[in-house]
Protein backbone atom coordinates (compact mmCIF):
# COMPACT_ATOMS: atom_id res chain seq x y z
CA MET A 1 3.04 -2.18 2.43
CA PHE A 2 4.19 -2.03 -1.12
CA MET A 3 2.20 -0.86 -4.19
CA ARG A 4 1.00 -3.45 -6.66
CA ALA A 5 2.90 -3.39 -9.84
CA GLN A 6 2.58 -5.58 -12.98
CA LEU A 7 4.32 -5.94 -16.39
CA ILE A 8 1.81 -6.40 -19.17
CA PRO A 9 3.49 -8.20 -22.19
CA LEU A 10 2.75 -6.14 -25.25
CA GLU A 11 2.82 -9.23 -27.40
CA GLY A 12 0.09 -10.96 -25.40
CA GLY A 13 0.29 -13.41 -22.55
CA PRO A 14 -0.49 -13.23 -18.87
CA PRO A 15 0.53 -10.16 -16.86
CA VAL A 16 3.67 -10.53 -14.68
CA GLU A 17 3.11 -9.62 -11.11
CA VAL A 18 6.05 -7.69 -9.49
CA ALA A 19 5.38 -9.51 -6.13
CA LYS A 20 8.80 -9.23 -4.49
CA GLU A 21 10.74 -6.20 -3.22
CA MET A 22 13.55 -7.18 -5.73
CA MET A 23 12.87 -9.04 -8.94
CA LEU A 24 15.72 -10.50 -11.04
CA ILE A 25 15.01 -10.71 -14.75
CA GLY A 26 17.10 -12.66 -17.17
CA ARG A 27 17.71 -15.96 -18.99
CA GLN A 28 19.23 -17.82 -15.95
CA GLU A 29 16.92 -20.64 -14.51
CA ASP A 30 16.85 -19.05 -10.97
CA CYS A 31 15.73 -15.60 -12.11
CA ASP A 32 12.38 -14.37 -10.80
CA LEU A 33 11.22 -13.64 -14.35
CA ARG A 34 12.88 -15.97 -16.81
CA LEU A 35 13.01 -14.85 -20.46
CA ASP A 36 14.44 -17.91 -22.16
CA HIS A 37 15.84 -16.35 -25.32
CA LYS A 38 19.44 -15.95 -26.50
CA SER A 39 19.07 -12.10 -26.81
CA VAL A 40 18.41 -11.94 -23.02
CA SER A 41 21.50 -11.88 -20.79
CA LYS A 42 21.72 -14.41 -17.94
CA MET A 43 21.21 -11.70 -15.48
CA HIS A 44 19.67 -8.89 -17.59
CA CYS A 45 18.14 -6.37 -15.18
CA VAL A 46 16.48 -6.06 -11.79
CA LEU A 47 13.29 -4.31 -10.61
CA VAL A 48 13.19 -2.98 -7.02
CA LYS A 49 10.18 -1.74 -5.15
CA THR A 50 11.13 0.94 -2.60
CA ASP A 51 9.49 3.90 -1.11
CA GLY A 52 6.45 3.71 -3.40
CA LEU A 53 8.65 3.62 -6.52
CA LEU A 54 9.54 0.99 -8.95
CA LEU A 55 13.13 1.15 -9.90
CA LEU A 56 14.82 -0.65 -12.92
CA ARG A 57 18.59 -1.25 -13.04
CA ASP A 58 20.23 -2.93 -16.16
CA LEU A 59 22.99 -5.42 -15.00
CA GLY A 60 25.38 -4.73 -17.83
CA SER A 61 23.27 -6.74 -20.36
CA THR A 62 24.60 -7.13 -23.89
CA ASN A 63 21.34 -6.17 -25.69
CA GLY A 64 20.23 -3.57 -23.30
CA THR A 65 17.11 -2.39 -21.35
CA ARG A 66 14.96 0.42 -22.74
CA VAL A 67 12.38 2.58 -21.16
CA ASN A 68 10.12 4.22 -23.68
CA GLY A 69 12.63 3.57 -26.43
CA THR A 70 15.64 5.02 -24.57
CA ARG A 71 18.37 2.61 -23.50
CA VAL A 72 19.04 3.08 -19.80
CA ARG A 73 21.30 1.86 -17.01
CA ARG A 74 18.74 2.72 -14.48
CA ALA A 75 15.23 4.40 -14.33
CA ALA A 76 12.23 5.05 -12.08
CA LEU A 77 9.29 3.49 -13.82
CA LEU A 78 6.01 5.41 -14.15
CA PRO A 79 2.49 4.14 -15.04
CA ASN A 80 2.27 3.09 -18.63
CA ASP A 81 5.98 3.23 -19.33
CA GLN A 82 7.08 0.69 -21.92
CA VAL A 83 10.08 -1.46 -20.78
CA THR A 84 11.90 -3.44 -23.40
CA ILE A 85 14.29 -6.25 -22.19
CA ALA A 86 16.28 -7.31 -25.27
CA GLY A 87 13.25 -7.87 -27.60
CA PHE A 88 10.62 -8.43 -24.95
CA LYS A 89 8.23 -5.45 -24.50
CA PHE A 90 6.13 -4.80 -21.45
CA ARG A 91 3.85 -1.91 -20.20
CA VAL A 92 4.07 -0.97 -16.53
CA VAL A 93 0.79 -0.86 -14.68
CA PHE A 94 0.32 0.11 -10.94
CA GLY A 95 -2.70 -0.23 -8.69
CA PRO A 96 -5.24 -2.70 -7.33
CA ASP A 97 -7.09 -3.36 -10.60
CA ASN A 98 -6.02 -5.21 -13.73
CA VAL A 99 -7.85 -2.95 -16.15
CA PRO A 100 -5.47 -2.34 -19.02
CA MET A 101 -5.12 1.50 -19.78
CA PRO A 102 -4.40 2.78 -23.26
CA SER A 103 -0.62 2.87 -23.81
CA ASP A 104 -0.76 6.49 -24.94
CA GLU A 105 -2.55 7.69 -21.75
CA HIS A 106 -0.12 9.22 -19.29
CA THR A 107 -2.71 11.45 -17.29
CA GLN A 108 -3.41 10.64 -13.67
CA GLN A 109 -7.07 10.73 -12.78
CA LEU A 110 -7.93 12.59 -9.58
CA ASP A 111 -11.42 12.97 -7.97
CA ALA A 112 -12.71 16.28 -6.50
CA ARG A 113 -11.54 15.58 -2.99
CA ASP A 114 -8.03 14.77 -4.24
CA VAL A 115 -7.88 18.07 -6.20
CA ALA A 116 -9.17 20.06 -3.14
CA GLN A 117 -6.48 18.47 -0.98
CA LEU A 118 -3.77 19.34 -3.47
CA LEU A 119 -4.90 22.93 -3.72
CA LYS A 120 -5.19 23.42 0.08
CA PRO A 121 -2.27 25.43 1.44
CA SER A 122 -0.12 23.58 3.91
CA HIS A 123 0.60 24.92 7.22
CA ARG A 124 3.49 23.00 8.77
CA ALA A 125 5.10 25.47 11.19
CA ASP A 126 4.65 23.09 14.23
CA ASP A 127 5.43 19.96 12.19
CA GLU A 128 8.80 18.44 12.89
CA SER A 129 9.24 17.60 9.14
CA SER A 130 9.70 21.35 8.49
CA ILE A 131 13.07 21.48 10.32
CA ASP A 132 15.75 22.47 7.87
CA MET A 133 18.25 19.64 7.26
CA PRO A 134 21.76 20.31 6.19
CA ALA A 135 22.26 19.52 2.49
CA LEU A 136 24.39 16.45 1.79
CA PRO A 137 27.22 16.88 -0.74
CA ALA A 138 26.15 15.27 -4.09
CA GLN A 139 28.33 12.33 -5.17
CA PRO A 140 28.77 12.20 -8.98
CA ASN A 141 27.70 8.91 -10.58
CA ALA A 142 30.54 7.36 -12.56
CA LEU A 143 27.99 5.72 -14.95
CA PRO A 144 25.56 7.83 -16.93
CA ASP A 145 21.86 6.86 -16.60
CA VAL A 146 21.21 7.14 -20.30
CA TYR A 147 23.40 5.84 -23.01
CA PRO A 148 24.25 8.19 -25.89
CA GLU A 149 22.48 7.34 -29.14
CA GLU A 150 24.41 4.68 -31.05
CA ASN A 151 25.12 5.14 -34.72
CA VAL A 152 24.79 1.58 -36.05
């Protein structure tokens, strides 16, 4: 079961449901989200829903993909993040309802039960998940996740 995710166009228009595990965005006709404008690359970027996360990866687009104003090659998207694909701007919304949230709101709302659960000490001595796993060697990424600021 995957979470519900939507892209809300900031310039108006209907919300875009991220309904598939992988959503290809670009100018090409067979893209899942087609943005028919010359500033959008044929295959611009991809959204992937995995392990409760919404991940974005730029596919080497000419005009870039930005998250909250920063050009990225890849990023994990959070609620209310602003995603810009070439000149198209969207706000990321998660959850079951379509109620738009203010774009400057980044606080998660928890009820009293959620807070109590978070504050409760965890006792996992008998839990198999507490077994120490050997650390895997980190593999350096050849591509940086964030582009350096360009002086244009």
